[in-house]
Amino acid sequence: MFKKLIHTDNSQTTIIIRLIVGAVFLSEGIQKFLFPAIRGAGRFEKIGLPSSEFLGSFVGTFEILCGVLILLGFLTRLASIPLIIIMLVAFATTKSEVYLEKGFWELLHGSRTDWAMLLGSIFLLIKGGGLWSLDKKIMKDGK
């Protein structure tokens, strides 16, 4: 089971996606604690999510933890799952309102980073960490 979880290919370019996805989520997670009124609990309260204090810390912690795991390429597939869920919830809670109030083009414009993070996370779920990852090192050492 563990070997399947860390399995990855020899792609040398996957690191580019890992760096983008990992750095953005790490940064966003840290900002939920540094600026809780606008990035964390305050934002969750503004959009009407329950238990906003808990959710701000919960989501921020997962973004930091999974961002670091993805940057290291350790448990890449597993780390991408919570990030996919976070992005799907973000779309459902914030982007539908943009669509209804401002239309399709504003939705596309305002969600470009969200789409990039969602698709990057899905890519990592499918492909794994790539050649330059701890997952690959563990796979080689475990043979």
N, C-alpha and C. Protein backbone atom coordinates (compact mmCIF):
# COMPACT_ATOMS: atom_id res chain seq x y z
N MET A 1 0.83 -1.20 0.00
CA MET A 1 0.00 0.00 0.00
C MET A 1 0.87 1.26 0.00
N PHE A 2 1.90 1.30 0.86
CA PHE A 2 2.78 2.47 0.94
C PHE A 2 3.50 2.69 -0.39
N LYS A 3 3.95 1.58 -1.03
CA LYS A 3 4.65 1.72 -2.32
C LYS A 3 3.74 2.33 -3.38
N LYS A 4 2.46 1.95 -3.38
CA LYS A 4 1.51 2.54 -4.33
C LYS A 4 1.32 4.03 -4.06
N LEU A 5 1.30 4.38 -2.79
CA LEU A 5 1.08 5.77 -2.40
C LEU A 5 2.21 6.68 -2.84
N ILE A 6 3.45 6.20 -2.74
CA ILE A 6 4.60 7.04 -3.10
C ILE A 6 5.08 6.82 -4.53
N HIS A 7 4.47 5.87 -5.24
CA HIS A 7 4.92 5.59 -6.61
C HIS A 7 4.89 6.84 -7.47
N THR A 8 5.95 7.03 -8.22
CA THR A 8 6.04 8.17 -9.14
C THR A 8 6.88 7.77 -10.33
N ASP A 9 6.87 8.58 -11.34
CA ASP A 9 7.66 8.31 -12.55
C ASP A 9 8.99 9.04 -12.49
N ASN A 10 9.71 9.05 -13.59
CA ASN A 10 11.01 9.70 -13.66
C ASN A 10 10.96 11.10 -14.27
N SER A 11 9.79 11.71 -14.26
CA SER A 11 9.65 13.03 -14.86
C SER A 11 10.52 14.07 -14.14
N GLN A 12 11.33 14.77 -14.93
CA GLN A 12 12.19 15.80 -14.37
C GLN A 12 11.46 17.14 -14.23
N THR A 13 10.32 17.28 -14.90
CA THR A 13 9.62 18.56 -14.89
C THR A 13 8.51 18.65 -13.85
N THR A 14 8.17 17.56 -13.22
CA THR A 14 7.14 17.59 -12.19
C THR A 14 7.51 18.54 -11.06
N ILE A 15 8.78 18.72 -10.83
CA ILE A 15 9.23 19.62 -9.77
C ILE A 15 8.70 21.04 -9.99
N ILE A 16 8.48 21.44 -11.23
CA ILE A 16 7.96 22.78 -11.51
C ILE A 16 6.55 22.91 -10.93
N ILE A 17 5.72 21.92 -11.17
CA ILE A 17 4.36 21.93 -10.63
C ILE A 17 4.40 21.83 -9.11
N ARG A 18 5.28 20.99 -8.57
CA ARG A 18 5.41 20.87 -7.12
C ARG A 18 5.80 22.20 -6.48
N LEU A 19 6.75 22.90 -7.09
CA LEU A 19 7.20 24.18 -6.54
C LEU A 19 6.08 25.22 -6.55
N ILE A 20 5.33 25.27 -7.63
CA ILE A 20 4.23 26.24 -7.73
C ILE A 20 3.14 25.92 -6.71
N VAL A 21 2.65 24.68 -6.74
CA VAL A 21 1.55 24.29 -5.86
C VAL A 21 1.98 24.36 -4.39
N GLY A 22 3.13 23.80 -4.08
CA GLY A 22 3.61 23.79 -2.70
C GLY A 22 3.83 25.18 -2.15
N ALA A 23 4.47 26.05 -2.92
CA ALA A 23 4.77 27.40 -2.45
C ALA A 23 3.50 28.23 -2.25
N VAL A 24 2.56 28.12 -3.16
CA VAL A 24 1.33 28.90 -3.03
C VAL A 24 0.54 28.44 -1.81
N PHE A 25 0.37 27.13 -1.63
CA PHE A 25 -0.39 26.66 -0.48
C PHE A 25 0.33 26.94 0.83
N LEU A 26 1.63 26.80 0.86
CA LEU A 26 2.39 27.13 2.07
C LEU A 26 2.19 28.60 2.43
N SER A 27 2.33 29.47 1.45
CA SER A 27 2.15 30.90 1.67
C SER A 27 0.73 31.23 2.14
N GLU A 28 -0.25 30.67 1.49
CA GLU A 28 -1.65 30.94 1.85
C GLU A 28 -1.96 30.44 3.26
N GLY A 29 -1.42 29.28 3.61
CA GLY A 29 -1.62 28.74 4.95
C GLY A 29 -1.02 29.64 6.03
N ILE A 30 0.19 30.10 5.79
CA ILE A 30 0.86 30.99 6.74
C ILE A 30 0.05 32.29 6.88
N GLN A 31 -0.45 32.81 5.76
CA GLN A 31 -1.21 34.06 5.80
C GLN A 31 -2.52 33.93 6.57
N LYS A 32 -3.09 32.73 6.63
CA LYS A 32 -4.31 32.54 7.41
C LYS A 32 -4.05 32.76 8.90
N PHE A 33 -2.80 32.56 9.33
CA PHE A 33 -2.44 32.81 10.73
C PHE A 33 -1.92 34.24 10.92
N LEU A 34 -1.20 34.77 9.94
CA LEU A 34 -0.67 36.13 10.05
C LEU A 34 -1.75 37.20 9.92
N PHE A 35 -2.72 36.94 9.05
CA PHE A 35 -3.78 37.91 8.75
C PHE A 35 -5.15 37.25 8.87
N PRO A 36 -5.51 36.79 10.05
CA PRO A 36 -6.75 36.01 10.19
C PRO A 36 -8.01 36.79 9.81
N ALA A 37 -8.02 38.09 10.00
CA ALA A 37 -9.23 38.87 9.69
C ALA A 37 -9.54 38.90 8.20
N ILE A 38 -8.50 38.87 7.35
CA ILE A 38 -8.76 38.94 5.90
C ILE A 38 -8.46 37.64 5.16
N ARG A 39 -7.65 36.76 5.71
CA ARG A 39 -7.27 35.52 5.02
C ARG A 39 -7.80 34.25 5.71
N GLY A 40 -8.10 34.34 6.99
CA GLY A 40 -8.47 33.15 7.75
C GLY A 40 -9.90 33.22 8.26
N ALA A 41 -10.03 33.21 9.57
CA ALA A 41 -11.35 33.14 10.22
C ALA A 41 -12.28 34.26 9.75
N GLY A 42 -11.76 35.46 9.61
CA GLY A 42 -12.58 36.59 9.17
C GLY A 42 -13.16 36.38 7.79
N ARG A 43 -12.36 35.84 6.92
CA ARG A 43 -12.84 35.57 5.55
C ARG A 43 -13.89 34.48 5.55
N PHE A 44 -13.65 33.42 6.36
CA PHE A 44 -14.61 32.32 6.43
C PHE A 44 -15.94 32.80 7.04
N GLU A 45 -15.85 33.67 8.02
CA GLU A 45 -17.07 34.23 8.62
C GLU A 45 -17.81 35.09 7.60
N LYS A 46 -17.08 35.88 6.84
CA LYS A 46 -17.69 36.76 5.84
C LYS A 46 -18.47 35.99 4.78
N ILE A 47 -17.98 34.83 4.40
CA ILE A 47 -18.68 34.04 3.38
C ILE A 47 -19.72 33.09 3.99
N GLY A 48 -19.85 33.15 5.32
CA GLY A 48 -20.94 32.41 5.96
C GLY A 48 -20.64 30.99 6.39
N LEU A 49 -19.37 30.63 6.47
CA LEU A 49 -19.04 29.28 6.91
C LEU A 49 -19.13 29.18 8.43
N PRO A 50 -19.64 28.07 8.94
CA PRO A 50 -19.76 27.91 10.39
C PRO A 50 -18.39 27.68 11.04
N SER A 51 -18.30 27.94 12.34
CA SER A 51 -17.07 27.70 13.11
C SER A 51 -15.85 28.31 12.42
N SER A 52 -15.97 29.56 12.07
CA SER A 52 -14.93 30.21 11.26
C SER A 52 -13.56 30.22 11.95
N GLU A 53 -13.52 30.38 13.26
CA GLU A 53 -12.23 30.36 13.98
C GLU A 53 -11.55 29.01 13.81
N PHE A 54 -12.32 27.95 14.04
CA PHE A 54 -11.77 26.60 13.88
C PHE A 54 -11.36 26.35 12.44
N LEU A 55 -12.25 26.68 11.51
CA LEU A 55 -11.98 26.42 10.09
C LEU A 55 -10.74 27.17 9.59
N GLY A 56 -10.58 28.41 10.02
CA GLY A 56 -9.41 29.19 9.59
C GLY A 56 -8.12 28.49 9.98
N SER A 57 -8.04 28.05 11.22
CA SER A 57 -6.85 27.34 11.70
C SER A 57 -6.70 25.98 11.06
N PHE A 58 -7.81 25.27 10.91
CA PHE A 58 -7.81 23.93 10.32
C PHE A 58 -7.31 23.96 8.88
N VAL A 59 -7.90 24.83 8.08
CA VAL A 59 -7.51 24.94 6.67
C VAL A 59 -6.08 25.46 6.56
N GLY A 60 -5.73 26.47 7.35
CA GLY A 60 -4.37 27.01 7.33
C GLY A 60 -3.33 25.95 7.66
N THR A 61 -3.62 25.13 8.66
CA THR A 61 -2.70 24.05 9.05
C THR A 61 -2.53 23.05 7.92
N PHE A 62 -3.62 22.65 7.29
CA PHE A 62 -3.52 21.70 6.17
C PHE A 62 -2.77 22.30 4.99
N GLU A 63 -3.00 23.59 4.71
CA GLU A 63 -2.28 24.22 3.60
C GLU A 63 -0.78 24.26 3.88
N ILE A 64 -0.40 24.57 5.11
CA ILE A 64 1.02 24.59 5.45
C ILE A 64 1.62 23.19 5.38
N LEU A 65 1.00 22.24 6.05
CA LEU A 65 1.51 20.87 6.09
C LEU A 65 1.60 20.26 4.69
N CYS A 66 0.52 20.34 3.94
CA CYS A 66 0.51 19.74 2.60
C CYS A 66 1.42 20.51 1.65
N GLY A 67 1.51 21.83 1.81
CA GLY A 67 2.42 22.62 0.98
C GLY A 67 3.87 22.19 1.18
N VAL A 68 4.26 21.98 2.43
CA VAL A 68 5.62 21.53 2.73
C VAL A 68 5.85 20.12 2.18
N LEU A 69 4.89 19.22 2.36
CA LEU A 69 5.04 17.86 1.84
C LEU A 69 5.20 17.86 0.33
N ILE A 70 4.43 18.69 -0.35
CA ILE A 70 4.53 18.76 -1.81
C ILE A 70 5.86 19.37 -2.23
N LEU A 71 6.31 20.41 -1.54
CA LEU A 71 7.62 20.99 -1.87
C LEU A 71 8.73 19.95 -1.73
N LEU A 72 8.65 19.11 -0.72
CA LEU A 72 9.64 18.06 -0.51
C LEU A 72 9.43 16.86 -1.43
N GLY A 73 8.24 16.75 -1.97
CA GLY A 73 7.92 15.57 -2.77
C GLY A 73 7.77 14.34 -1.91
N PHE A 74 7.27 14.52 -0.70
CA PHE A 74 7.09 13.41 0.24
C PHE A 74 5.60 13.18 0.45
N LEU A 75 5.15 11.97 0.16
CA LEU A 75 3.72 11.62 0.22
C LEU A 75 2.92 12.58 -0.67
N THR A 76 3.46 12.84 -1.84
CA THR A 76 2.90 13.85 -2.75
C THR A 76 1.45 13.57 -3.09
N ARG A 77 1.15 12.33 -3.45
CA ARG A 77 -0.23 11.99 -3.83
C ARG A 77 -1.18 12.22 -2.66
N LEU A 78 -0.81 11.75 -1.50
CA LEU A 78 -1.64 11.90 -0.31
C LEU A 78 -1.82 13.38 0.05
N ALA A 79 -0.75 14.15 -0.02
CA ALA A 79 -0.80 15.58 0.32
C ALA A 79 -1.67 16.38 -0.64
N SER A 80 -1.80 15.90 -1.87
CA SER A 80 -2.60 16.65 -2.84
C SER A 80 -4.11 16.52 -2.59
N ILE A 81 -4.54 15.47 -1.92
CA ILE A 81 -5.97 15.24 -1.71
C ILE A 81 -6.63 16.34 -0.88
N PRO A 82 -6.11 16.70 0.30
CA PRO A 82 -6.75 17.80 1.04
C PRO A 82 -6.73 19.12 0.26
N LEU A 83 -5.69 19.33 -0.54
CA LEU A 83 -5.61 20.58 -1.30
C LEU A 83 -6.67 20.63 -2.40
N ILE A 84 -6.96 19.50 -3.00
CA ILE A 84 -8.05 19.42 -3.99
C ILE A 84 -9.37 19.74 -3.31
N ILE A 85 -9.59 19.16 -2.14
CA ILE A 85 -10.83 19.42 -1.40
C ILE A 85 -10.94 20.89 -1.03
N ILE A 86 -9.84 21.48 -0.55
CA ILE A 86 -9.84 22.90 -0.20
C ILE A 86 -10.22 23.75 -1.41
N MET A 87 -9.68 23.43 -2.57
CA MET A 87 -9.98 24.22 -3.77
C MET A 87 -11.43 24.03 -4.22
N LEU A 88 -11.95 22.82 -4.12
CA LEU A 88 -13.35 22.60 -4.50
C LEU A 88 -14.30 23.36 -3.58
N VAL A 89 -13.99 23.36 -2.29
CA VAL A 89 -14.80 24.13 -1.34
C VAL A 89 -14.68 25.63 -1.62
N ALA A 90 -13.47 26.08 -1.94
CA ALA A 90 -13.28 27.50 -2.28
C ALA A 90 -14.12 27.89 -3.48
N PHE A 91 -14.16 27.05 -4.50
CA PHE A 91 -15.00 27.33 -5.66
C PHE A 91 -16.46 27.40 -5.26
N ALA A 92 -16.92 26.43 -4.50
CA ALA A 92 -18.33 26.35 -4.13
C ALA A 92 -18.77 27.52 -3.24
N THR A 93 -17.87 27.98 -2.37
CA THR A 93 -18.27 29.01 -1.40
C THR A 93 -18.02 30.43 -1.87
N THR A 94 -17.09 30.63 -2.77
CA THR A 94 -16.76 32.01 -3.16
C THR A 94 -17.01 32.31 -4.63
N LYS A 95 -16.82 31.37 -5.49
CA LYS A 95 -16.88 31.68 -6.92
C LYS A 95 -18.29 31.66 -7.48
N SER A 96 -19.19 30.89 -6.88
CA SER A 96 -20.57 30.89 -7.38
C SER A 96 -21.20 32.28 -7.20
N GLU A 97 -20.88 32.94 -6.09
CA GLU A 97 -21.38 34.29 -5.83
C GLU A 97 -20.84 35.28 -6.87
N VAL A 98 -19.58 35.15 -7.21
CA VAL A 98 -18.98 36.02 -8.23
C VAL A 98 -19.71 35.83 -9.55
N TYR A 99 -19.98 34.59 -9.91
CA TYR A 99 -20.67 34.29 -11.17
C TYR A 99 -22.06 34.94 -11.18
N LEU A 100 -22.79 34.76 -10.09
CA LEU A 100 -24.16 35.29 -10.03
C LEU A 100 -24.19 36.81 -10.04
N GLU A 101 -23.22 37.45 -9.37
CA GLU A 101 -23.23 38.91 -9.26
C GLU A 101 -22.53 39.62 -10.42
N LYS A 102 -21.46 39.02 -10.95
CA LYS A 102 -20.64 39.74 -11.93
C LYS A 102 -20.50 39.03 -13.27
N GLY A 103 -20.93 37.79 -13.36
CA GLY A 103 -20.93 37.10 -14.64
C GLY A 103 -19.75 36.17 -14.87
N PHE A 104 -19.84 35.52 -16.02
CA PHE A 104 -18.89 34.47 -16.40
C PHE A 104 -17.45 34.96 -16.52
N TRP A 105 -17.23 36.08 -17.20
CA TRP A 105 -15.86 36.54 -17.44
C TRP A 105 -15.17 36.99 -16.16
N GLU A 106 -15.92 37.61 -15.27
CA GLU A 106 -15.35 38.00 -13.98
C GLU A 106 -15.02 36.76 -13.15
N LEU A 107 -15.87 35.73 -13.27
CA LEU A 107 -15.60 34.46 -12.60
C LEU A 107 -14.27 33.88 -13.10
N LEU A 108 -14.09 33.85 -14.40
CA LEU A 108 -12.84 33.31 -14.96
C LEU A 108 -11.64 34.12 -14.52
N HIS A 109 -11.77 35.43 -14.57
CA HIS A 109 -10.67 36.29 -14.16
C HIS A 109 -10.34 36.11 -12.68
N GLY A 110 -11.34 36.10 -11.85
CA GLY A 110 -11.13 36.01 -10.41
C GLY A 110 -10.73 34.64 -9.91
N SER A 111 -10.85 33.63 -10.76
CA SER A 111 -10.55 32.27 -10.30
C SER A 111 -9.34 31.64 -10.98
N ARG A 112 -8.55 32.44 -11.68
CA ARG A 112 -7.43 31.87 -12.41
C ARG A 112 -6.42 31.17 -11.50
N THR A 113 -6.12 31.74 -10.35
CA THR A 113 -5.21 31.08 -9.42
C THR A 113 -5.85 29.83 -8.85
N ASP A 114 -7.14 29.91 -8.55
CA ASP A 114 -7.85 28.74 -8.03
C ASP A 114 -7.79 27.57 -9.01
N TRP A 115 -8.03 27.87 -10.29
CA TRP A 115 -7.96 26.83 -11.31
C TRP A 115 -6.55 26.24 -11.40
N ALA A 116 -5.55 27.10 -11.37
CA ALA A 116 -4.17 26.62 -11.45
C ALA A 116 -3.83 25.71 -10.27
N MET A 117 -4.26 26.09 -9.07
CA MET A 117 -3.96 25.28 -7.88
C MET A 117 -4.75 23.97 -7.89
N LEU A 118 -6.00 24.02 -8.34
CA LEU A 118 -6.81 22.80 -8.42
C LEU A 118 -6.20 21.84 -9.45
N LEU A 119 -5.92 22.33 -10.64
CA LEU A 119 -5.39 21.45 -11.69
C LEU A 119 -3.97 20.98 -11.36
N GLY A 120 -3.16 21.83 -10.75
CA GLY A 120 -1.82 21.41 -10.32
C GLY A 120 -1.90 20.32 -9.28
N SER A 121 -2.83 20.44 -8.35
CA SER A 121 -3.00 19.42 -7.31
C SER A 121 -3.50 18.11 -7.90
N ILE A 122 -4.41 18.19 -8.85
CA ILE A 122 -4.90 16.97 -9.52
C ILE A 122 -3.75 16.32 -10.29
N PHE A 123 -2.94 17.11 -10.97
CA PHE A 123 -1.77 16.59 -11.68
C PHE A 123 -0.88 15.79 -10.72
N LEU A 124 -0.60 16.37 -9.55
CA LEU A 124 0.28 15.70 -8.58
C LEU A 124 -0.37 14.44 -8.01
N LEU A 125 -1.68 14.44 -7.85
CA LEU A 125 -2.38 13.23 -7.41
C LEU A 125 -2.19 12.11 -8.43
N ILE A 126 -2.27 12.46 -9.70
CA ILE A 126 -2.14 11.46 -10.77
C ILE A 126 -0.69 11.02 -10.95
N LYS A 127 0.25 11.97 -11.01
CA LYS A 127 1.64 11.66 -11.37
C LYS A 127 2.56 11.35 -10.20
N GLY A 128 2.28 11.89 -9.02
CA GLY A 128 3.22 11.74 -7.91
C GLY A 128 4.28 12.82 -7.94
N GLY A 129 5.34 12.64 -7.19
CA GLY A 129 6.34 13.67 -6.97
C GLY A 129 7.39 13.85 -8.05
N GLY A 130 7.54 12.89 -8.95
CA GLY A 130 8.53 13.01 -10.01
C GLY A 130 9.93 12.60 -9.58
N LEU A 131 10.88 12.79 -10.48
CA LEU A 131 12.25 12.33 -10.28
C LEU A 131 12.91 12.93 -9.05
N TRP A 132 12.79 14.24 -8.88
CA TRP A 132 13.47 14.92 -7.78
C TRP A 132 12.53 15.09 -6.60
N SER A 133 12.17 13.96 -6.00
CA SER A 133 11.26 13.98 -4.85
C SER A 133 11.73 12.96 -3.82
N LEU A 134 11.32 13.17 -2.59
CA LEU A 134 11.62 12.17 -1.55
C LEU A 134 10.89 10.87 -1.85
N ASP A 135 9.71 10.95 -2.46
CA ASP A 135 8.99 9.74 -2.85
C ASP A 135 9.86 8.87 -3.75
N LYS A 136 10.50 9.47 -4.75
CA LYS A 136 11.35 8.72 -5.68
C LYS A 136 12.56 8.15 -4.96
N LYS A 137 13.15 8.92 -4.06
CA LYS A 137 14.31 8.44 -3.30
C LYS A 137 13.92 7.24 -2.46
N ILE A 138 12.79 7.31 -1.80
CA ILE A 138 12.32 6.20 -0.98
C ILE A 138 12.04 4.97 -1.84
N MET A 139 11.45 5.19 -3.03
CA MET A 139 11.19 4.08 -3.94
C MET A 139 12.49 3.38 -4.34
N LYS A 140 13.54 4.16 -4.66
CA LYS A 140 14.83 3.58 -5.06
C LYS A 140 15.47 2.84 -3.91
N ASP A 141 15.45 3.46 -2.71
CA ASP A 141 16.08 2.84 -1.54
C ASP A 141 15.33 1.60 -1.07
N GLY A 142 14.03 1.54 -1.38
CA GLY A 142 13.21 0.42 -0.92
C GLY A 142 13.24 -0.79 -1.83
N LYS A 143 13.96 -0.71 -2.96
CA LYS A 143 14.00 -1.84 -3.92
C LYS A 143 14.83 -2.98 -3.40
